[in-house]
């Protein structure tokens, strides 16, 4: 099949489309890293802690004592911590950890002993 001669306008359109595709392809890793919902290698790092509450740790849907209980962890359990924030005060400690064990839930830092590095701020 013979190739048809292309007009300058169709060549310009083809070049523009190819350039746009190249720009999107090159920018996609940067866009993925800027996405606050999608975890990246840096943000997917979790910290660990051990439950030190003798009666166990109540997991809540918000970082306050008055929020809904959505689960619990027994004394001595290892929990995975995504980040920390300030919330309701529990015996002088207003830090709460966002836990990633099966479901995203909040646990009072007063009842969790850090294992290793202190979690980053949310």
C-alpha atoms as a PDB file:
ATOM      1  CA  UNK A   1       0.000   0.000   0.000  1.00  0.00           C
ATOM      2  CA  UNK A   2       1.590   3.317  -1.009  1.00  0.00           C
ATOM      3  CA  UNK A   3       2.070   6.050   1.601  1.00  0.00           C
ATOM      4  CA  UNK A   4       0.013   9.151   0.990  1.00  0.00           C
ATOM      5  CA  UNK A   5       1.731  12.527   1.187  1.00  0.00           C
ATOM      6  CA  UNK A   6       0.846  14.349   4.404  1.00  0.00           C
ATOM      7  CA  UNK A   7      -0.053  17.960   4.603  1.00  0.00           C
ATOM      8  CA  UNK A   8       1.961  20.257   6.907  1.00  0.00           C
ATOM      9  CA  UNK A   9      -1.111  20.629   9.108  1.00  0.00           C
ATOM     10  CA  UNK A  10      -1.504  16.851   9.633  1.00  0.00           C
ATOM     11  CA  UNK A  11       2.223  16.559  10.384  1.00  0.00           C
ATOM     12  CA  UNK A  12       1.903  19.346  12.957  1.00  0.00           C
ATOM     13  CA  UNK A  13      -1.053  17.548  14.594  1.00  0.00           C
ATOM     14  CA  UNK A  14       0.862  14.274  14.676  1.00  0.00           C
ATOM     15  CA  UNK A  15       3.876  15.992  16.288  1.00  0.00           C
ATOM     16  CA  UNK A  16       1.650  17.708  18.857  1.00  0.00           C
ATOM     17  CA  UNK A  17      -0.023  14.416  19.778  1.00  0.00           C
ATOM     18  CA  UNK A  18       3.329  12.644  20.093  1.00  0.00           C
ATOM     19  CA  UNK A  19       4.688  15.481  22.255  1.00  0.00           C
ATOM     20  CA  UNK A  20       1.644  15.403  24.528  1.00  0.00           C
ATOM     21  CA  UNK A  21       1.970  11.639  24.941  1.00  0.00           C
ATOM     22  CA  UNK A  22       5.665  11.988  25.788  1.00  0.00           C
ATOM     23  CA  UNK A  23       4.930  14.738  28.339  1.00  0.00           C
ATOM     24  CA  UNK A  24       2.241  12.668  30.063  1.00  0.00           C
ATOM     25  CA  UNK A  25       4.474   9.594  30.136  1.00  0.00           C
ATOM     26  CA  UNK A  26       7.384  11.548  31.605  1.00  0.00           C
ATOM     27  CA  UNK A  27       5.204  13.307  34.191  1.00  0.00           C
ATOM     28  CA  UNK A  28       3.285  10.242  35.401  1.00  0.00           C
ATOM     29  CA  UNK A  29       5.850   9.171  38.062  1.00  0.00           C
ATOM     30  CA  UNK A  30       5.876  12.703  39.457  1.00  0.00           C
ATOM     31  CA  UNK A  31       2.083  12.851  39.426  1.00  0.00           C
ATOM     32  CA  UNK A  32       1.849   9.506  41.228  1.00  0.00           C
ATOM     33  CA  UNK A  33       4.288  10.712  43.897  1.00  0.00           C
ATOM     34  CA  UNK A  34       2.193  13.839  44.456  1.00  0.00           C
ATOM     35  CA  UNK A  35      -1.022  11.849  44.877  1.00  0.00           C
ATOM     36  CA  UNK A  36      -1.920  12.047  48.607  1.00  0.00           C
ATOM     37  CA  UNK A  37      -4.101   8.922  48.484  1.00  0.00           C
ATOM     38  CA  UNK A  38      -1.788   6.542  46.650  1.00  0.00           C
ATOM     39  CA  UNK A  39       1.064   5.409  48.925  1.00  0.00           C
ATOM     40  CA  UNK A  40       4.559   5.744  47.527  1.00  0.00           C
ATOM     41  CA  UNK A  41       7.619   3.812  48.628  1.00  0.00           C
ATOM     42  CA  UNK A  42       8.512   6.634  51.027  1.00  0.00           C
ATOM     43  CA  UNK A  43       5.031   7.037  52.494  1.00  0.00           C
ATOM     44  CA  UNK A  44       4.177   3.350  52.663  1.00  0.00           C
ATOM     45  CA  UNK A  45       6.774   2.803  55.423  1.00  0.00           C
ATOM     46  CA  UNK A  46       5.019   1.827  58.624  1.00  0.00           C
ATOM     47  CA  UNK A  47       6.267   2.104  62.145  1.00  0.00           C
ATOM     48  CA  UNK A  48       5.627  -0.466  64.868  1.00  0.00           C
ATOM     49  CA  UNK A  49       4.392  -0.356  68.412  1.00  0.00           C
ATOM     50  CA  UNK A  50       3.358  -2.732  71.205  1.00  0.00           C
ATOM     51  CA  UNK A  51       0.038  -2.439  73.052  1.00  0.00           C
ATOM     52  CA  UNK A  52       0.783  -1.742  76.720  1.00  0.00           C
ATOM     53  CA  UNK A  53      -2.798  -1.318  77.990  1.00  0.00           C
ATOM     54  CA  UNK A  54      -3.435  -4.266  80.345  1.00  0.00           C
ATOM     55  CA  UNK A  55      -7.088  -4.449  79.245  1.00  0.00           C
ATOM     56  CA  UNK A  56      -6.203  -4.050  75.549  1.00  0.00           C
ATOM     57  CA  UNK A  57      -6.359  -1.163  73.103  1.00  0.00           C
ATOM     58  CA  UNK A  58      -9.635   0.131  71.701  1.00  0.00           C
ATOM     59  CA  UNK A  59      -9.415   1.132  68.043  1.00  0.00           C
ATOM     60  CA  UNK A  60     -11.492   4.135  67.072  1.00  0.00           C
ATOM     61  CA  UNK A  61     -12.748   5.808  63.903  1.00  0.00           C
ATOM     62  CA  UNK A  62     -11.413   9.239  64.973  1.00  0.00           C
ATOM     63  CA  UNK A  63      -8.532  10.311  67.252  1.00  0.00           C
ATOM     64  CA  UNK A  64     -10.774  10.973  70.267  1.00  0.00           C
ATOM     65  CA  UNK A  65     -11.988   8.934  73.239  1.00  0.00           C
ATOM     66  CA  UNK A  66     -15.602   9.727  72.406  1.00  0.00           C
ATOM     67  CA  UNK A  67     -15.478   8.371  68.855  1.00  0.00           C
ATOM     68  CA  UNK A  68     -16.920   5.051  67.751  1.00  0.00           C
ATOM     69  CA  UNK A  69     -14.990   1.891  68.704  1.00  0.00           C
ATOM     70  CA  UNK A  70     -14.347  -0.190  65.560  1.00  0.00           C
ATOM     71  CA  UNK A  71     -12.068  -2.868  66.982  1.00  0.00           C
ATOM     72  CA  UNK A  72      -9.498  -3.762  69.623  1.00  0.00           C
ATOM     73  CA  UNK A  73      -6.015  -5.212  70.081  1.00  0.00           C
ATOM     74  CA  UNK A  74      -4.950  -7.328  73.068  1.00  0.00           C
ATOM     75  CA  UNK A  75      -2.190  -6.468  75.534  1.00  0.00           C
ATOM     76  CA  UNK A  76       1.233  -7.157  74.013  1.00  0.00           C
ATOM     77  CA  UNK A  77       0.025  -7.116  70.386  1.00  0.00           C
ATOM     78  CA  UNK A  78       2.306  -5.571  67.780  1.00  0.00           C
ATOM     79  CA  UNK A  79       0.561  -2.848  65.766  1.00  0.00           C
ATOM     80  CA  UNK A  80       1.624  -1.145  62.537  1.00  0.00           C
ATOM     81  CA  UNK A  81       1.527   2.656  62.718  1.00  0.00           C
ATOM     82  CA  UNK A  82       1.181   4.792  59.600  1.00  0.00           C
ATOM     83  CA  UNK A  83       1.497   8.247  61.251  1.00  0.00           C
ATOM     84  CA  UNK A  84       0.630  10.290  64.349  1.00  0.00           C
ATOM     85  CA  UNK A  85      -1.583  13.308  64.997  1.00  0.00           C
ATOM     86  CA  UNK A  86      -2.947  15.334  67.893  1.00  0.00           C
ATOM     87  CA  UNK A  87      -6.366  14.414  69.211  1.00  0.00           C
ATOM     88  CA  UNK A  88      -8.267  13.927  72.423  1.00  0.00           C
ATOM     89  CA  UNK A  89      -6.207  13.927  75.606  1.00  0.00           C
ATOM     90  CA  UNK A  90      -5.704  10.549  77.301  1.00  0.00           C
ATOM     91  CA  UNK A  91      -4.079  10.931  80.724  1.00  0.00           C
ATOM     92  CA  UNK A  92      -1.946  13.889  79.613  1.00  0.00           C
ATOM     93  CA  UNK A  93      -1.068  12.505  76.163  1.00  0.00           C
ATOM     94  CA  UNK A  94      -2.818  14.035  73.123  1.00  0.00           C
ATOM     95  CA  UNK A  95      -1.018  11.896  70.502  1.00  0.00           C
ATOM     96  CA  UNK A  96      -2.935   9.341  68.474  1.00  0.00           C
ATOM     97  CA  UNK A  97      -1.566   6.803  66.006  1.00  0.00           C
ATOM     98  CA  UNK A  98      -3.232   5.841  62.740  1.00  0.00           C
ATOM     99  CA  UNK A  99      -2.958   2.049  62.641  1.00  0.00           C
ATOM    100  CA  UNK A 100      -2.970  -0.038  59.468  1.00  0.00           C
ATOM    101  CA  UNK A 101      -3.713  -3.493  60.888  1.00  0.00           C
ATOM    102  CA  UNK A 102      -6.467  -4.809  58.636  1.00  0.00           C
ATOM    103  CA  UNK A 103      -8.385  -1.559  58.774  1.00  0.00           C
ATOM    104  CA  UNK A 104      -7.423   2.072  59.238  1.00  0.00           C
ATOM    105  CA  UNK A 105      -8.171   2.941  62.859  1.00  0.00           C
ATOM    106  CA  UNK A 106      -6.893   5.283  65.554  1.00  0.00           C
ATOM    107  CA  UNK A 107      -5.259   4.187  68.800  1.00  0.00           C
ATOM    108  CA  UNK A 108      -4.157   6.406  71.673  1.00  0.00           C
ATOM    109  CA  UNK A 109      -0.360   6.697  71.832  1.00  0.00           C
ATOM    110  CA  UNK A 110      -0.678   6.570  75.625  1.00  0.00           C
ATOM    111  CA  UNK A 111      -1.358   2.843  75.282  1.00  0.00           C
ATOM    112  CA  UNK A 112       1.238   2.057  72.593  1.00  0.00           C
ATOM    113  CA  UNK A 113       4.997   1.746  73.175  1.00  0.00           C
ATOM    114  CA  UNK A 114       7.059   2.541  70.076  1.00  0.00           C
ATOM    115  CA  UNK A 115       9.296  -0.161  68.665  1.00  0.00           C
ATOM    116  CA  UNK A 116      12.084   1.603  66.799  1.00  0.00           C
ATOM    117  CA  UNK A 117      11.591   5.033  65.255  1.00  0.00           C
ATOM    118  CA  UNK A 118       8.895   7.427  66.432  1.00  0.00           C
ATOM    119  CA  UNK A 119       6.119   7.691  63.809  1.00  0.00           C
ATOM    120  CA  UNK A 120       6.028  10.686  61.479  1.00  0.00           C
ATOM    121  CA  UNK A 121       3.262  13.292  61.594  1.00  0.00           C
ATOM    122  CA  UNK A 122       0.213  12.724  59.391  1.00  0.00           C
END
